[in-house]
Amino acid sequence: MSIPMTPAGPSSGTPALEPVAGPDAERGVSLWRGAFQRMRRNPSAIIGTLIMLLFVLVAVFAPLLTSFEPGTGEFFREVTPSKVPGPSEQHWLGLDSGGSDMWTQLVYGARQSLIYGVASTVVGLLAGSLLGVLAGGFGSVGGRVGRWVDTVIMRIVDILLSIPSLLLAVSIAAVITQDSLAIIIAIGAAQVPIFARLLRSSMLAQGGADYVLAGNALGFRKRRIVMSHILPNSVGPTIVQATLNLATAIIEVAALSYLGLGADNPRVAEWGRMLVNAQERFSADPRLAILPGVCIVISALGFTLFGEALREALDPRSRR
């Protein structure tokens, strides 16, 4: 006995199931594209991006933004024991206590902060990622040797994490020769355990995914599974953390310079050194300390806002 089939369409009263097509059809988007779309609607992300772009543009084009050289003290004769010349037509932010143009010191200080911050973050990211890949790679594939390597690396990372990052950076900078490279290595070394621990935890979380089980079942080499599949799916949180660490690096660069561990060349403009030079004249000329302090706060705030917005955009729990 056959069962009659009811034709679909307007005559039968049954709605026809037709594929949705056209520009209004909802299409899947990649992780990073979806994050970009959410960040465009986030005011914090927009503000952070604008601050970052302004900071980078000022740092890159510093020689074009001023006609003076930093740290020359060419106007020192205009500085008196009781007064530092303020804003004027020639120096629209005034002079500093050393007789240099204040605007010139600030824009070249932005360049130094950008160079030190980016370079130290890259050093910390590369070294920390290497430790994270070793620990997470061996830990995710299992085995007695893998667990042993993971344990040894993470105990070293735990020792580094037990020391405050700024104290670790100060200790390393005090041991190394006082120059620009010492600042980069010191701040980068303080960031190593953060990246190592984060990447290792991300890789271990990916180690139980279905694609890893499928790769093992198909007989793929463990190194191929780790480097070609687990690692690419684990770097997202590390990239977000690198953005946040740039804000910390800028603050630590100023802190090391403030403590006298910066570049030994007085002609190298640094925001931290400007704060030190402003101490003795703070009551009479507070702008000498307020201006570099505001620059440090705003630049760090820009990277922080952008990094937090990026983390929220990549977090599946915050998607709407």
Protein backbone atom coordinates (compact mmCIF):
# COMPACT_ATOMS: atom_id res chain seq x y z
CA MET A 1 0.00 0.00 0.00
CA SER A 2 1.52 3.27 -1.06
CA ILE A 3 1.36 6.47 0.94
CA PRO A 4 0.32 9.50 -1.10
CA MET A 5 2.80 12.34 -1.14
CA THR A 6 1.49 15.88 -0.76
CA PRO A 7 3.17 18.23 -3.22
CA ALA A 8 4.77 21.26 -1.70
CA GLY A 9 3.81 24.66 -2.96
CA PRO A 10 1.06 27.24 -2.84
CA SER A 11 -1.65 24.86 -4.13
CA SER A 12 -1.13 22.32 -1.37
CA GLY A 13 -0.89 24.80 1.47
CA THR A 14 2.49 23.38 2.45
CA PRO A 15 5.34 25.92 2.41
CA ALA A 16 8.11 24.97 0.05
CA LEU A 17 11.56 24.66 1.53
CA GLU A 18 13.85 26.64 -0.69
CA PRO A 19 17.51 27.57 -0.06
CA VAL A 20 18.08 31.09 1.13
CA ALA A 21 20.19 33.04 -1.28
CA GLY A 22 21.17 36.59 -1.89
CA PRO A 23 23.00 39.27 0.06
CA ASP A 24 20.75 38.86 3.11
CA ALA A 25 21.80 35.26 3.65
CA GLU A 26 23.75 34.79 6.86
CA ARG A 27 27.23 33.60 6.20
CA GLY A 28 29.79 32.24 8.56
CA VAL A 29 32.76 34.45 9.39
CA SER A 30 36.21 33.61 10.64
CA LEU A 31 37.24 34.17 14.25
CA TRP A 32 39.34 37.25 13.55
CA ARG A 33 36.86 38.79 11.11
CA GLY A 34 34.07 38.37 13.62
CA ALA A 35 36.25 39.95 16.30
CA PHE A 36 36.95 42.90 14.01
CA GLN A 37 33.25 43.41 13.38
CA ARG A 38 32.52 43.42 17.12
CA MET A 39 35.39 45.81 17.85
CA ARG A 40 34.03 48.32 15.33
CA ARG A 41 30.94 48.62 17.54
CA ASN A 42 32.94 48.90 20.78
CA PRO A 43 33.62 52.51 21.89
CA SER A 44 36.57 51.39 24.03
CA ALA A 45 38.19 49.71 21.05
CA ILE A 46 37.74 52.82 18.91
CA ILE A 47 39.21 55.13 21.56
CA GLY A 48 42.11 52.75 22.22
CA THR A 49 42.85 52.44 18.50
CA LEU A 50 42.87 56.21 18.02
CA ILE A 51 45.25 56.69 20.97
CA MET A 52 47.54 53.95 19.67
CA LEU A 53 47.62 55.43 16.16
CA LEU A 54 48.34 58.90 17.53
CA PHE A 55 51.12 57.53 19.73
CA VAL A 56 52.70 55.62 16.84
CA LEU A 57 52.44 58.55 14.42
CA VAL A 58 54.04 60.94 16.91
CA ALA A 59 56.85 58.46 17.59
CA VAL A 60 57.54 57.70 13.93
CA PHE A 61 57.38 61.28 12.67
CA ALA A 62 59.05 62.91 15.69
CA PRO A 63 61.80 64.60 13.58
CA LEU A 64 59.10 66.23 11.44
CA LEU A 65 57.10 67.52 14.40
CA THR A 66 59.84 69.68 15.87
CA SER A 67 62.76 71.74 14.63
CA PHE A 68 64.91 71.14 17.73
CA GLU A 69 67.06 68.25 18.89
CA PRO A 70 66.38 66.50 22.22
CA GLY A 71 68.62 66.97 25.23
CA THR A 72 70.83 69.66 23.73
CA GLY A 73 70.25 72.24 26.45
CA GLU A 74 70.70 74.99 23.86
CA PHE A 75 68.36 77.31 25.76
CA PHE A 76 69.86 76.67 29.19
CA ARG A 77 70.85 80.31 29.51
CA GLU A 78 67.14 81.21 29.67
CA VAL A 79 66.62 78.96 32.72
CA THR A 80 67.10 80.62 36.10
CA PRO A 81 67.34 79.03 39.56
CA SER A 82 63.87 80.31 40.37
CA LYS A 83 62.03 79.95 37.06
CA VAL A 84 61.87 77.82 33.93
CA PRO A 85 60.43 79.64 30.88
CA GLY A 86 56.88 78.53 30.12
CA PRO A 87 54.97 78.34 26.85
CA SER A 88 55.87 80.88 24.18
CA GLU A 89 55.63 81.32 20.43
CA GLN A 90 58.95 79.55 19.91
CA HIS A 91 58.42 76.88 22.59
CA TRP A 92 54.68 76.28 22.82
CA LEU A 93 55.10 73.90 25.80
CA GLY A 94 57.99 75.86 27.26
CA LEU A 95 61.41 74.58 28.25
CA ASP A 96 62.47 71.89 30.70
CA SER A 97 64.86 72.35 33.59
CA GLY A 98 67.82 71.46 31.35
CA GLY A 99 67.07 74.16 28.80
CA SER A 100 65.67 71.87 26.10
CA ASP A 101 62.39 72.34 24.26
CA MET A 102 59.65 70.52 26.18
CA TRP A 103 57.64 69.46 23.11
CA THR A 104 60.79 68.02 21.54
CA GLN A 105 61.52 66.01 24.67
CA LEU A 106 57.97 64.62 24.73
CA VAL A 107 57.80 63.53 21.08
CA TYR A 108 61.25 61.94 21.14
CA GLY A 109 60.35 60.34 24.46
CA ALA A 110 57.37 58.75 22.69
CA ARG A 111 59.75 57.31 20.10
CA GLN A 112 61.96 55.79 22.79
CA SER A 113 58.96 54.36 24.64
CA LEU A 114 57.63 52.80 21.43
CA ILE A 115 60.99 51.28 20.50
CA TYR A 116 61.67 49.92 23.98
CA GLY A 117 58.08 48.75 24.47
CA VAL A 118 57.73 46.92 21.15
CA ALA A 119 61.24 45.43 21.23
CA SER A 120 60.92 44.18 24.82
CA THR A 121 57.46 42.72 24.14
CA VAL A 122 58.80 40.90 21.05
CA VAL A 123 61.69 39.50 23.13
CA GLY A 124 59.32 38.34 25.85
CA LEU A 125 56.85 36.94 23.31
CA LEU A 126 59.47 34.93 21.41
CA ALA A 127 61.20 33.53 24.51
CA GLY A 128 57.94 32.88 26.35
CA SER A 129 56.35 31.27 23.30
CA LEU A 130 59.34 28.96 22.93
CA LEU A 131 58.94 27.75 26.52
CA GLY A 132 55.16 27.58 26.12
CA VAL A 133 55.42 25.52 22.94
CA LEU A 134 57.86 23.10 24.56
CA ALA A 135 55.75 22.70 27.70
CA GLY A 136 52.38 22.67 25.97
CA GLY A 137 53.56 20.54 23.06
CA PHE A 138 55.09 17.83 25.21
CA GLY A 139 52.27 18.04 27.72
CA SER A 140 49.48 17.80 25.14
CA VAL A 141 50.89 14.74 23.34
CA GLY A 142 51.31 12.90 26.63
CA GLY A 143 53.86 10.30 27.54
CA ARG A 144 56.26 10.06 30.45
CA VAL A 145 58.96 12.16 28.79
CA GLY A 146 56.41 14.79 27.76
CA ARG A 147 55.07 15.18 31.29
CA TRP A 148 58.61 15.41 32.66
CA VAL A 149 59.59 18.18 30.22
CA ASP A 150 56.35 20.04 30.95
CA THR A 151 56.94 19.83 34.70
CA VAL A 152 60.53 21.07 34.56
CA ILE A 153 59.70 24.04 32.32
CA MET A 154 56.70 25.10 34.34
CA ARG A 155 58.60 24.98 37.62
CA ILE A 156 61.12 27.41 36.12
CA VAL A 157 58.24 29.61 34.97
CA ASP A 158 56.67 29.46 38.45
CA ILE A 159 59.94 30.69 39.97
CA LEU A 160 59.98 33.65 37.58
CA LEU A 161 56.32 34.38 38.28
CA SER A 162 56.99 34.50 42.01
CA ILE A 163 59.12 37.62 41.46
CA PRO A 164 57.24 40.86 40.68
CA SER A 165 57.83 41.83 37.06
CA LEU A 166 59.18 45.30 37.82
CA LEU A 167 61.52 43.95 40.50
CA LEU A 168 62.77 41.29 38.08
CA ALA A 169 63.31 43.92 35.38
CA VAL A 170 65.19 46.18 37.80
CA SER A 171 67.42 43.31 38.94
CA ILE A 172 68.31 42.30 35.39
CA ALA A 173 68.88 45.89 34.25
CA ALA A 174 71.16 46.52 37.26
CA VAL A 175 73.32 43.51 36.37
CA ILE A 176 73.59 44.21 32.64
CA THR A 177 75.53 47.16 31.26
CA GLN A 178 73.48 50.33 31.39
CA ASP A 179 72.29 50.90 27.83
CA SER A 180 69.22 50.55 25.62
CA LEU A 181 69.75 46.83 25.10
CA ALA A 182 69.71 46.28 28.87
CA ILE A 183 66.26 47.86 29.15
CA ILE A 184 64.88 45.71 26.33
CA ILE A 185 66.29 42.48 27.78
CA ALA A 186 65.21 43.33 31.32
CA ILE A 187 61.60 44.15 30.46
CA GLY A 188 61.38 41.30 27.95
CA ALA A 189 62.65 38.79 30.50
CA ALA A 190 59.99 39.92 32.96
CA GLN A 191 57.30 39.11 30.36
CA VAL A 192 58.59 35.62 29.50
CA PRO A 193 56.69 33.68 32.21
CA ILE A 194 53.40 35.38 31.31
CA PHE A 195 53.55 34.30 27.67
CA ALA A 196 54.90 30.85 28.50
CA ARG A 197 52.14 30.05 30.97
CA LEU A 198 49.38 31.42 28.73
CA LEU A 199 50.47 29.59 25.58
CA ARG A 200 51.06 26.36 27.47
CA SER A 201 47.55 26.43 28.99
CA SER A 202 45.99 27.19 25.58
CA MET A 203 47.83 24.28 23.97
CA LEU A 204 46.84 21.88 26.73
CA ALA A 205 43.21 22.95 26.28
CA GLN A 206 43.49 22.17 22.56
CA GLY A 207 45.19 18.84 23.24
CA GLY A 208 41.86 17.08 23.88
CA ALA A 209 40.11 18.44 20.80
CA ASP A 210 38.58 16.09 18.25
CA TYR A 211 41.00 17.05 15.52
CA VAL A 212 43.92 15.99 17.72
CA LEU A 213 42.30 12.60 18.39
CA ALA A 214 41.63 12.24 14.66
CA GLY A 215 45.25 13.06 13.84
CA ASN A 216 46.50 10.46 16.31
CA ALA A 217 44.09 7.90 14.89
CA LEU A 218 45.33 8.56 11.37
CA GLY A 219 48.91 8.04 12.46
CA PHE A 220 50.18 11.61 12.04
CA ARG A 221 53.47 12.41 13.73
CA LYS A 222 53.03 14.20 17.04
CA ARG A 223 55.31 17.04 15.97
CA ARG A 224 53.10 17.68 12.97
CA ILE A 225 49.96 17.68 15.10
CA VAL A 226 51.49 20.14 17.56
CA MET A 227 53.06 22.58 15.08
CA SER A 228 50.45 22.44 12.30
CA HIS A 229 47.23 22.18 14.31
CA ILE A 230 47.51 22.73 18.07
CA LEU A 231 49.84 25.75 17.96
CA PRO A 232 47.92 27.78 15.30
CA ASN A 233 44.71 27.33 17.29
CA SER A 234 46.37 28.43 20.54
CA VAL A 235 48.13 31.69 19.63
CA GLY A 236 45.04 33.92 19.81
CA PRO A 237 45.16 34.60 23.58
CA THR A 238 48.92 35.13 23.36
CA ILE A 239 48.53 37.84 20.73
CA VAL A 240 45.93 39.58 22.88
CA GLN A 241 48.25 39.40 25.90
CA ALA A 242 51.07 40.93 23.83
CA THR A 243 48.88 43.98 23.20
CA LEU A 244 48.19 44.33 26.91
CA ASN A 245 51.87 43.85 27.75
CA LEU A 246 52.78 46.81 25.56
CA ALA A 247 51.01 49.06 28.05
CA THR A 248 52.93 47.46 30.93
CA ALA A 249 56.20 47.75 28.99
CA ILE A 250 55.73 51.50 28.47
CA ILE A 251 55.22 51.99 32.21
CA GLU A 252 58.21 49.81 33.08
CA VAL A 253 60.42 51.68 30.60
CA ALA A 254 59.56 54.91 32.37
CA ALA A 255 60.10 53.26 35.77
CA LEU A 256 63.58 51.98 34.87
CA SER A 257 64.52 55.37 33.49
CA TYR A 258 63.18 57.02 36.62
CA LEU A 259 65.38 54.76 38.74
CA GLY A 260 68.44 55.72 36.73
CA LEU A 261 68.69 52.43 34.81
CA GLY A 262 67.87 53.89 31.40
CA ALA A 263 70.18 54.92 28.61
CA ASP A 264 73.34 56.62 29.89
CA ASN A 265 73.26 59.19 27.08
CA PRO A 266 71.59 62.38 28.40
CA ARG A 267 70.60 63.35 24.86
CA VAL A 268 68.27 60.36 24.66
CA ALA A 269 64.84 61.71 25.62
CA GLU A 270 62.99 59.46 28.09
CA TRP A 271 59.78 60.22 29.93
CA GLY A 272 61.07 58.67 33.16
CA ARG A 273 64.19 60.84 33.12
CA MET A 274 61.99 63.90 32.58
CA LEU A 275 60.12 63.03 35.78
CA VAL A 276 63.39 62.79 37.70
CA ASN A 277 64.61 66.16 36.43
CA ALA A 278 61.27 67.76 37.33
CA GLN A 279 61.34 66.74 41.00
CA GLU A 280 63.40 69.63 42.29
CA ARG A 281 61.20 72.18 40.53
CA PHE A 282 57.82 70.51 40.95
CA SER A 283 56.39 73.10 43.37
CA ALA A 284 57.31 76.02 41.11
CA ASP A 285 56.80 74.38 37.69
CA PRO A 286 54.47 71.35 38.02
CA ARG A 287 54.05 71.11 34.23
CA LEU A 288 57.58 69.64 34.02
CA ALA A 289 56.26 66.48 35.71
CA ILE A 290 52.60 66.64 34.67
CA LEU A 291 53.24 66.61 30.91
CA PRO A 292 55.42 63.46 30.76
CA GLY A 293 53.19 61.80 33.36
CA VAL A 294 50.10 62.45 31.23
CA CYS A 295 51.91 61.05 28.17
CA ILE A 296 52.74 57.84 30.05
CA VAL A 297 49.18 57.42 31.30
CA ILE A 298 47.47 58.13 27.98
CA SER A 299 49.76 55.90 25.90
CA ALA A 300 49.39 53.00 28.36
CA LEU A 301 45.63 53.58 28.48
CA GLY A 302 45.37 53.31 24.69
CA PHE A 303 47.05 49.90 24.54
CA THR A 304 45.04 48.70 27.54
CA LEU A 305 41.68 49.72 26.04
CA PHE A 306 42.55 48.11 22.72
CA GLY A 307 43.82 44.91 24.33
CA GLU A 308 40.80 44.51 26.61
CA ALA A 309 38.42 45.14 23.70
CA LEU A 310 40.26 42.58 21.58
CA ARG A 311 40.09 40.02 24.38
CA GLU A 312 36.35 40.53 24.76
CA ALA A 313 35.84 40.31 21.00
CA LEU A 314 37.65 36.97 20.84
CA ASP A 315 35.92 35.55 23.90
CA PRO A 316 32.99 33.30 22.82
CA ARG A 317 31.15 34.04 26.07
CA SER A 318 30.94 37.75 25.26
CA ARG A 319 29.55 37.34 21.75
CA ARG A 320 26.03 38.55 21.09
